[in-house]
PDB file of all heavy atoms in Angstrom:
ATOM      1  N   TYR A   1      84.228  96.362  85.800  1.00  0.00           N
ATOM      2  CA  TYR A   1      83.809  95.056  86.306  1.00  0.00           C
ATOM      3  C   TYR A   1      82.572  95.164  87.207  1.00  0.00           C
ATOM      4  O   TYR A   1      82.100  94.173  87.745  1.00  0.00           O
ATOM      5  CB  TYR A   1      84.942  94.402  87.092  1.00  0.00           C
ATOM      6  CG  TYR A   1      86.214  94.262  86.292  1.00  0.00           C
ATOM      7  CD1 TYR A   1      87.315  95.071  86.555  1.00  0.00           C
ATOM      8  CD2 TYR A   1      86.316  93.325  85.257  1.00  0.00           C
ATOM      9  CE1 TYR A   1      88.487  94.941  85.808  1.00  0.00           C
ATOM     10  CE2 TYR A   1      87.475  93.206  84.513  1.00  0.00           C
ATOM     11  CZ  TYR A   1      88.554  94.011  84.801  1.00  0.00           C
ATOM     12  OH  TYR A   1      89.708  93.895  84.059  1.00  0.00           O
ATOM     13  N   GLY A   2      82.069  96.389  87.374  1.00  0.00           N
ATOM     14  CA  GLY A   2      80.910  96.588  88.219  1.00  0.00           C
ATOM     15  C   GLY A   2      81.250  96.706  89.696  1.00  0.00           C
ATOM     16  O   GLY A   2      80.369  96.625  90.552  1.00  0.00           O
ATOM     17  N   ASN A   3      82.528  96.922  89.996  1.00  0.00           N
ATOM     18  CA  ASN A   3      82.985  96.999  91.385  1.00  0.00           C
ATOM     19  C   ASN A   3      83.334  98.426  91.779  1.00  0.00           C
ATOM     20  O   ASN A   3      83.553  99.300  90.925  1.00  0.00           O
ATOM     21  CB  ASN A   3      84.235  96.126  91.582  1.00  0.00           C
ATOM     22  CG  ASN A   3      83.975  94.673  91.271  1.00  0.00           C
ATOM     23  OD1 ASN A   3      82.880  94.169  91.498  1.00  0.00           O
ATOM     24  ND2 ASN A   3      84.980  93.981  90.743  1.00  0.00           N
ATOM     25  N   ILE A   4      83.421  98.652  93.070  1.00  0.00           N
ATOM     26  CA  ILE A   4      83.923  99.925  93.580  1.00  0.00           C
ATOM     27  C   ILE A   4      85.441  99.908  93.454  1.00  0.00           C
ATOM     28  O   ILE A   4      86.094  98.980  93.932  1.00  0.00           O
ATOM     29  CB  ILE A   4      83.514 100.127  95.052  1.00  0.00           C
ATOM     30  CG1 ILE A   4      81.989 100.167  95.174  1.00  0.00           C
ATOM     31  CG2 ILE A   4      84.121 101.413  95.613  1.00  0.00           C
ATOM     32  CD1 ILE A   4      81.485 100.202  96.601  1.00  0.00           C
ATOM     33  N   ALA A   5      85.992 100.901  92.822  1.00  0.00           N
ATOM     34  CA  ALA A   5      87.433 100.942  92.592  1.00  0.00           C
ATOM     35  C   ALA A   5      88.200 100.971  93.913  1.00  0.00           C
ATOM     36  O   ALA A   5      87.709 101.492  94.919  1.00  0.00           O
ATOM     37  CB  ALA A   5      87.803 102.161  91.757  1.00  0.00           C
ATOM     38  N   ASN A   6      89.387 100.382  93.893  1.00  0.00           N
ATOM     39  CA  ASN A   6      90.240 100.401  95.074  1.00  0.00           C
ATOM     40  C   ASN A   6      90.493 101.837  95.536  1.00  0.00           C
ATOM     41  O   ASN A   6      90.714 102.734  94.722  1.00  0.00           O
ATOM     42  CB  ASN A   6      91.584  99.728  94.781  1.00  0.00           C
ATOM     43  CG  ASN A   6      91.448  98.229  94.623  1.00  0.00           C
ATOM     44  OD1 ASN A   6      90.509  97.624  95.137  1.00  0.00           O
ATOM     45  ND2 ASN A   6      92.374  97.606  93.915  1.00  0.00           N
ATOM     46  N   LYS A   7      90.417 102.059  96.817  1.00  0.00           N
ATOM     47  CA  LYS A   7      90.701 103.354  97.451  1.00  0.00           C
ATOM     48  C   LYS A   7      89.666 104.430  97.117  1.00  0.00           C
ATOM     49  O   LYS A   7      89.886 105.613  97.391  1.00  0.00           O
ATOM     50  CB  LYS A   7      92.108 103.847  97.066  1.00  0.00           C
ATOM     51  CG  LYS A   7      93.214 102.902  97.504  1.00  0.00           C
ATOM     52  CD  LYS A   7      94.587 103.459  97.130  1.00  0.00           C
ATOM     53  CE  LYS A   7      95.695 102.500  97.544  1.00  0.00           C
ATOM     54  NZ  LYS A   7      97.041 103.005  97.173  1.00  0.00           N
ATOM     55  N   TYR A   8      88.534 104.029  96.511  1.00  0.00           N
ATOM     56  CA  TYR A   8      87.486 105.017  96.185  1.00  0.00           C
ATOM     57  C   TYR A   8      87.044 105.767  97.438  1.00  0.00           C
ATOM     58  O   TYR A   8      86.953 107.003  97.441  1.00  0.00           O
ATOM     59  CB  TYR A   8      86.285 104.312  95.547  1.00  0.00           C
ATOM     60  CG  TYR A   8      85.141 105.226  95.188  1.00  0.00           C
ATOM     61  CD1 TYR A   8      85.035 105.784  93.917  1.00  0.00           C
ATOM     62  CD2 TYR A   8      84.158 105.546  96.125  1.00  0.00           C
ATOM     63  CE1 TYR A   8      83.985 106.628  93.587  1.00  0.00           C
ATOM     64  CE2 TYR A   8      83.108 106.399  95.808  1.00  0.00           C
ATOM     65  CZ  TYR A   8      83.022 106.928  94.537  1.00  0.00           C
ATOM     66  OH  TYR A   8      81.982 107.775  94.216  1.00  0.00           O
ATOM     67  N   ILE A   9      86.770 105.020  98.506  1.00  0.00           N
ATOM     68  CA  ILE A   9      86.296 105.642  99.741  1.00  0.00           C
ATOM     69  C   ILE A   9      87.399 106.471 100.392  1.00  0.00           C
ATOM     70  O   ILE A   9      87.194 107.624 100.780  1.00  0.00           O
ATOM     71  CB  ILE A   9      85.779 104.566 100.727  1.00  0.00           C
ATOM     72  CG1 ILE A   9      84.582 103.830 100.119  1.00  0.00           C
ATOM     73  CG2 ILE A   9      85.397 105.208 102.059  1.00  0.00           C
ATOM     74  CD1 ILE A   9      84.090 102.671 100.968  1.00  0.00           C
ATOM     75  N   ARG A  10      88.579 105.882 100.496  1.00  0.00           N
ATOM     76  CA  ARG A  10      89.678 106.572 101.184  1.00  0.00           C
ATOM     77  C   ARG A  10      90.027 107.889 100.502  1.00  0.00           C
ATOM     78  O   ARG A  10      90.264 108.909 101.173  1.00  0.00           O
ATOM     79  CB  ARG A  10      90.907 105.670 101.219  1.00  0.00           C
ATOM     80  CG  ARG A  10      92.093 106.290 101.952  1.00  0.00           C
ATOM     81  CD  ARG A  10      93.302 105.374 101.922  1.00  0.00           C
ATOM     82  NE  ARG A  10      93.039 104.126 102.619  1.00  0.00           N
ATOM     83  CZ  ARG A  10      93.916 103.122 102.671  1.00  0.00           C
ATOM     84  NH1 ARG A  10      95.089 103.230 102.054  1.00  0.00           N
ATOM     85  NH2 ARG A  10      93.614 102.018 103.329  1.00  0.00           N
ATOM     86  N   LYS A  11      90.067 107.904  99.177  1.00  0.00           N
ATOM     87  CA  LYS A  11      90.435 109.121  98.452  1.00  0.00           C
ATOM     88  C   LYS A  11      89.467 110.261  98.739  1.00  0.00           C
ATOM     89  O   LYS A  11      89.862 111.419  98.829  1.00  0.00           O
ATOM     90  CB  LYS A  11      90.474 108.835  96.949  1.00  0.00           C
ATOM     91  CG  LYS A  11      91.691 108.057  96.494  1.00  0.00           C
ATOM     92  CD  LYS A  11      91.669 107.853  94.984  1.00  0.00           C
ATOM     93  CE  LYS A  11      92.912 107.104  94.525  1.00  0.00           C
ATOM     94  NZ  LYS A  11      92.906 106.878  93.053  1.00  0.00           N
ATOM     95  N   ARG A  12      88.196 109.916  98.873  1.00  0.00           N
ATOM     96  CA  ARG A  12      87.185 110.949  99.099  1.00  0.00           C
ATOM     97  C   ARG A  12      87.099 111.368 100.575  1.00  0.00           C
ATOM     98  O   ARG A  12      86.795 112.522 100.865  1.00  0.00           O
ATOM     99  CB  ARG A  12      85.831 110.471  98.575  1.00  0.00           C
ATOM    100  CG  ARG A  12      85.785 110.550  97.054  1.00  0.00           C
ATOM    101  CD  ARG A  12      84.817 109.593  96.427  1.00  0.00           C
ATOM    102  NE  ARG A  12      84.866 109.712  94.970  1.00  0.00           N
ATOM    103  CZ  ARG A  12      85.845 109.187  94.222  1.00  0.00           C
ATOM    104  NH1 ARG A  12      86.835 108.525  94.782  1.00  0.00           N
ATOM    105  NH2 ARG A  12      85.842 109.351  92.913  1.00  0.00           N
ATOM    106  N   MET A  13      87.383 110.433 101.460  1.00  0.00           N
ATOM    107  CA  MET A  13      87.282 110.741 102.885  1.00  0.00           C
ATOM    108  C   MET A  13      88.537 111.406 103.439  1.00  0.00           C
ATOM    109  O   MET A  13      88.520 111.979 104.531  1.00  0.00           O
ATOM    110  CB  MET A  13      86.980 109.467 103.676  1.00  0.00           C
ATOM    111  CG  MET A  13      85.626 108.837 103.345  1.00  0.00           C
ATOM    112  SD  MET A  13      84.230 109.953 103.618  1.00  0.00           S
ATOM    113  CE  MET A  13      84.325 110.180 105.389  1.00  0.00           C
ATOM    114  N   THR A  14      89.642 111.330 102.704  1.00  0.00           N
ATOM    115  CA  THR A  14      90.892 111.907 103.196  1.00  0.00           C
ATOM    116  C   THR A  14      91.512 112.899 102.214  1.00  0.00           C
ATOM    117  O   THR A  14      92.544 113.492 102.512  1.00  0.00           O
ATOM    118  CB  THR A  14      91.932 110.797 103.484  1.00  0.00           C
ATOM    119  OG1 THR A  14      92.212 110.078 102.268  1.00  0.00           O
ATOM    120  CG2 THR A  14      91.400 109.817 104.517  1.00  0.00           C
ATOM    121  N   GLY A  15      90.888 113.098 101.057  1.00  0.00           N
ATOM    122  CA  GLY A  15      91.445 113.983 100.043  1.00  0.00           C
ATOM    123  C   GLY A  15      91.191 115.453 100.331  1.00  0.00           C
ATOM    124  O   GLY A  15      90.611 115.823 101.360  1.00  0.00           O
ATOM    125  N   LYS A  16      91.603 116.285  99.384  1.00  0.00           N
ATOM    126  CA  LYS A  16      91.482 117.737  99.588  1.00  0.00           C
ATOM    127  C   LYS A  16      90.027 118.198  99.624  1.00  0.00           C
ATOM    128  O   LYS A  16      89.720 119.272 100.168  1.00  0.00           O
ATOM    129  CB  LYS A  16      92.248 118.481  98.505  1.00  0.00           C
ATOM    130  CG  LYS A  16      91.756 118.232  97.086  1.00  0.00           C
ATOM    131  CD  LYS A  16      92.595 119.011  96.082  1.00  0.00           C
ATOM    132  CE  LYS A  16      92.094 118.793  94.652  1.00  0.00           C
ATOM    133  NZ  LYS A  16      92.901 119.554  93.665  1.00  0.00           N
ATOM    134  N   ASN A  17      89.119 117.411  99.057  1.00  0.00           N
ATOM    135  CA  ASN A  17      87.703 117.765  99.070  1.00  0.00           C
ATOM    136  C   ASN A  17      86.907 116.925 100.073  1.00  0.00           C
ATOM    137  O   ASN A  17      85.698 116.724  99.914  1.00  0.00           O
ATOM    138  CB  ASN A  17      87.100 117.592  97.664  1.00  0.00           C
ATOM    139  CG  ASN A  17      87.726 118.531  96.657  1.00  0.00           C
ATOM    140  OD1 ASN A  17      87.955 119.708  96.945  1.00  0.00           O
ATOM    141  ND2 ASN A  17      88.003 118.020  95.460  1.00  0.00           N
ATOM    142  N   GLN A  18      87.583 116.458 101.105  1.00  0.00           N
ATOM    143  CA  GLN A  18      86.942 115.533 102.040  1.00  0.00           C
ATOM    144  C   GLN A  18      85.718 116.122 102.742  1.00  0.00           C
ATOM    145  O   GLN A  18      84.827 115.388 103.176  1.00  0.00           O
ATOM    146  CB  GLN A  18      87.942 115.051 103.089  1.00  0.00           C
ATOM    147  CG  GLN A  18      88.569 116.152 103.923  1.00  0.00           C
ATOM    148  CD  GLN A  18      89.601 115.603 104.898  1.00  0.00           C
ATOM    149  OE1 GLN A  18      89.250 115.015 105.921  1.00  0.00           O
ATOM    150  NE2 GLN A  18      90.867 115.786 104.573  1.00  0.00           N
ATOM    151  N   ASP A  19      85.644 117.450 102.846  1.00  0.00           N
ATOM    152  CA  ASP A  19      84.492 118.066 103.496  1.00  0.00           C
ATOM    153  C   ASP A  19      83.205 117.849 102.703  1.00  0.00           C
ATOM    154  O   ASP A  19      82.102 118.005 103.242  1.00  0.00           O
ATOM    155  CB  ASP A  19      84.718 119.569 103.683  1.00  0.00           C
ATOM    156  CG  ASP A  19      85.796 119.873 104.719  1.00  0.00           C
ATOM    157  OD1 ASP A  19      86.096 118.950 105.508  1.00  0.00           O
ATOM    158  OD2 ASP A  19      86.329 120.985 104.726  1.00  0.00           O
ATOM    159  N   ARG A  20      83.339 117.496 101.438  1.00  0.00           N
ATOM    160  CA  ARG A  20      82.156 117.253 100.604  1.00  0.00           C
ATOM    161  C   ARG A  20      81.539 115.887 100.878  1.00  0.00           C
ATOM    162  O   ARG A  20      80.413 115.620 100.462  1.00  0.00           O
ATOM    163  CB  ARG A  20      82.541 117.328  99.120  1.00  0.00           C
ATOM    164  CG  ARG A  20      82.769 118.735  98.594  1.00  0.00           C
ATOM    165  CD  ARG A  20      83.294 118.685  97.175  1.00  0.00           C
ATOM    166  NE  ARG A  20      82.527 117.762  96.346  1.00  0.00           N
ATOM    167  CZ  ARG A  20      82.980 117.220  95.198  1.00  0.00           C
ATOM    168  NH1 ARG A  20      84.221 117.488  94.797  1.00  0.00           N
ATOM    169  NH2 ARG A  20      82.212 116.412  94.490  1.00  0.00           N
ATOM    170  N   PHE A  21      82.279 115.010 101.580  1.00  0.00           N
ATOM    171  CA  PHE A  21      81.817 113.638 101.754  1.00  0.00           C
ATOM    172  C   PHE A  21      81.699 113.282 103.235  1.00  0.00           C
ATOM    173  O   PHE A  21      82.441 113.794 104.071  1.00  0.00           O
ATOM    174  CB  PHE A  21      82.787 112.666 101.075  1.00  0.00           C
ATOM    175  CG  PHE A  21      83.034 112.963  99.622  1.00  0.00           C
ATOM    176  CD1 PHE A  21      84.111 113.746  99.233  1.00  0.00           C
ATOM    177  CD2 PHE A  21      82.189 112.467  98.642  1.00  0.00           C
ATOM    178  CE1 PHE A  21      84.341 114.029  97.898  1.00  0.00           C
ATOM    179  CE2 PHE A  21      82.404 112.745  97.304  1.00  0.00           C
ATOM    180  CZ  PHE A  21      83.483 113.527  96.930  1.00  0.00           C
ATOM    181  N   PHE A  22      80.791 112.380 103.539  1.00  0.00           N
ATOM    182  CA  PHE A  22      80.699 111.846 104.893  1.00  0.00           C
ATOM    183  C   PHE A  22      80.056 110.466 104.852  1.00  0.00           C
ATOM    184  O   PHE A  22      79.331 110.117 103.907  1.00  0.00           O
ATOM    185  CB  PHE A  22      79.912 112.783 105.814  1.00  0.00           C
ATOM    186  CG  PHE A  22      78.424 112.780 105.591  1.00  0.00           C
ATOM    187  CD1 PHE A  22      77.582 111.931 106.304  1.00  0.00           C
ATOM    188  CD2 PHE A  22      77.860 113.651 104.661  1.00  0.00           C
ATOM    189  CE1 PHE A  22      76.200 111.942 106.104  1.00  0.00           C
ATOM    190  CE2 PHE A  22      76.482 113.662 104.458  1.00  0.00           C
ATOM    191  CZ  PHE A  22      75.653 112.811 105.170  1.00  0.00           C
ATOM    192  N   ILE A  23      80.352 109.675 105.875  1.00  0.00           N
ATOM    193  CA  ILE A  23      79.746 108.350 106.020  1.00  0.00           C
ATOM    194  C   ILE A  23      78.840 108.382 107.243  1.00  0.00           C
ATOM    195  O   ILE A  23      79.273 108.731 108.337  1.00  0.00           O
ATOM    196  CB  ILE A  23      80.817 107.256 106.175  1.00  0.00           C
ATOM    197  CG1 ILE A  23      81.587 107.086 104.860  1.00  0.00           C
ATOM    198  CG2 ILE A  23      80.167 105.922 106.571  1.00  0.00           C
ATOM    199  CD1 ILE A  23      82.738 106.097 104.936  1.00  0.00           C
ATOM    200  N   GLY A  24      77.596 108.048 107.023  1.00  0.00           N
ATOM    201  CA  GLY A  24      76.626 108.067 108.111  1.00  0.00           C
ATOM    202  C   GLY A  24      75.226 108.073 107.538  1.00  0.00           C
ATOM    203  O   GLY A  24      74.993 107.599 106.426  1.00  0.00           O
ATOM    204  N   SER A  25      74.300 108.615 108.289  1.00  0.00           N
ATOM    205  CA  SER A  25      72.908 108.716 107.866  1.00  0.00           C
ATOM    206  C   SER A  25      72.444 110.150 108.063  1.00  0.00           C
ATOM    207  O   SER A  25      72.736 110.751 109.102  1.00  0.00           O
ATOM    208  CB  SER A  25      72.034 107.753 108.675  1.00  0.00           C
ATOM    209  OG  SER A  25      70.681 107.869 108.298  1.00  0.00           O
ATOM    210  N   PRO A  26      71.758 110.738 107.098  1.00  0.00           N
ATOM    211  CA  PRO A  26      71.312 112.134 107.225  1.00  0.00           C
ATOM    212  C   PRO A  26      70.506 112.385 108.487  1.00  0.00           C
ATOM    213  O   PRO A  26      70.555 113.472 109.064  1.00  0.00           O
ATOM    214  CB  PRO A  26      70.451 112.336 105.973  1.00  0.00           C
ATOM    215  CG  PRO A  26      71.013 111.378 104.981  1.00  0.00           C
ATOM    216  CD  PRO A  26      71.406 110.170 105.784  1.00  0.00           C
ATOM    217  N   GLY A  27      69.789 111.368 108.940  1.00  0.00           N
ATOM    218  CA  GLY A  27      68.980 111.534 110.140  1.00  0.00           C
ATOM    219  C   GLY A  27      69.709 111.170 111.416  1.00  0.00           C
ATOM    220  O   GLY A  27      69.119 111.203 112.502  1.00  0.00           O
ATOM    221  N   GLY A  28      70.967 110.794 111.291  1.00  0.00           N
ATOM    222  CA  GLY A  28      71.755 110.445 112.466  1.00  0.00           C
ATOM    223  C   GLY A  28      71.544 109.031 112.965  1.00  0.00           C
ATOM    224  O   GLY A  28      71.992 108.677 114.053  1.00  0.00           O
ATOM    225  N   GLN A  29      70.875 108.195 112.152  1.00  0.00           N
ATOM    226  CA  GLN A  29      70.644 106.815 112.571  1.00  0.00           C
ATOM    227  C   GLN A  29      71.955 106.040 112.623  1.00  0.00           C
ATOM    228  O   GLN A  29      72.943 106.427 112.010  1.00  0.00           O
ATOM    229  CB  GLN A  29      69.668 106.118 111.617  1.00  0.00           C
ATOM    230  CG  GLN A  29      68.251 106.668 111.673  1.00  0.00           C
ATOM    231  CD  GLN A  29      68.033 107.761 110.629  1.00  0.00           C
ATOM    232  OE1 GLN A  29      68.983 108.385 110.188  1.00  0.00           O
ATOM    233  NE2 GLN A  29      66.787 107.992 110.253  1.00  0.00           N
ATOM    234  N   LYS A  30      71.939 104.926 113.325  1.00  0.00           N
ATOM    235  CA  LYS A  30      73.129 104.107 113.467  1.00  0.00           C
ATOM    236  C   LYS A  30      73.372 103.271 112.218  1.00  0.00           C
ATOM    237  O   LYS A  30      72.497 103.134 111.364  1.00  0.00           O
ATOM    238  CB  LYS A  30      72.994 103.187 114.685  1.00  0.00           C
ATOM    239  CG  LYS A  30      72.921 103.925 116.014  1.00  0.00           C
ATOM    240  CD  LYS A  30      72.802 102.944 117.158  1.00  0.00           C
ATOM    241  CE  LYS A  30      72.734 103.674 118.498  1.00  0.00           C
ATOM    242  NZ  LYS A  30      72.616 102.722 119.627  1.00  0.00           N
ATOM    243  N   ALA A  31      74.582 102.680 112.147  1.00  0.00           N
ATOM    244  CA  ALA A  31      74.926 101.800 111.028  1.00  0.00           C
ATOM    245  C   ALA A  31      73.910 100.670 110.926  1.00  0.00           C
ATOM    246  O   ALA A  31      73.478 100.108 111.924  1.00  0.00           O
ATOM    247  CB  ALA A  31      76.324 101.215 111.230  1.00  0.00           C
ATOM    248  N   GLY A  32      73.536 100.344 109.720  1.00  0.00           N
ATOM    249  CA  GLY A  32      72.544  99.303 109.513  1.00  0.00           C
ATOM    250  C   GLY A  32      71.202  99.892 109.110  1.00  0.00           C
ATOM    251  O   GLY A  32      70.320  99.192 108.646  1.00  0.00           O
ATOM    252  N   ASP A  33      71.044 101.217 109.309  1.00  0.00           N
ATOM    253  CA  ASP A  33      69.823 101.889 108.889  1.00  0.00           C
ATOM    254  C   ASP A  33      69.739 101.907 107.371  1.00  0.00           C
ATOM    255  O   ASP A  33      70.756 101.914 106.674  1.00  0.00           O
ATOM    256  CB  ASP A  33      69.820 103.324 109.442  1.00  0.00           C
ATOM    257  CG  ASP A  33      68.613 104.111 108.983  1.00  0.00           C
ATOM    258  OD1 ASP A  33      67.516 103.891 109.524  1.00  0.00           O
ATOM    259  OD2 ASP A  33      68.771 104.918 108.049  1.00  0.00           O
ATOM    260  N   LYS A  34      68.532 101.944 106.840  1.00  0.00           N
ATOM    261  CA  LYS A  34      68.340 101.907 105.389  1.00  0.00           C
ATOM    262  C   LYS A  34      68.915 103.130 104.674  1.00  0.00           C
ATOM    263  O   LYS A  34      69.119 103.119 103.465  1.00  0.00           O
ATOM    264  CB  LYS A  34      66.858 101.769 105.059  1.00  0.00           C
ATOM    265  CG  LYS A  34      66.005 102.951 105.510  1.00  0.00           C
ATOM    266  CD  LYS A  34      64.540 102.736 105.143  1.00  0.00           C
ATOM    267  CE  LYS A  34      63.688 103.924 105.587  1.00  0.00           C
ATOM    268  NZ  LYS A  34      62.266 103.730 105.226  1.00  0.00           N
ATOM    269  N   ASN A  35      69.165 104.215 105.421  1.00  0.00           N
ATOM    270  CA  ASN A  35      69.733 105.421 104.830  1.00  0.00           C
ATOM    271  C   ASN A  35      71.229 105.582 105.093  1.00  0.00           C
ATOM    272  O   ASN A  35      71.811 106.600 104.740  1.00  0.00           O
ATOM    273  CB  ASN A  35      68.994 106.659 105.372  1.00  0.00           C
ATOM    274  CG  ASN A  35      67.537 106.688 104.951  1.00  0.00           C
ATOM    275  OD1 ASN A  35      67.212 106.415 103.800  1.00  0.00           O
ATOM    276  ND2 ASN A  35      66.657 107.000 105.892  1.00  0.00           N
TER     277      ASN A  35
END
């Protein structure tokens, strides 16, 4: 349907491979930054 599947974020942020994922900006900018 062109949507993000339910629990897509949670599975990656709390799963066994969670170290591979992070939410933020590579440059350390705050939320709302283009990156």
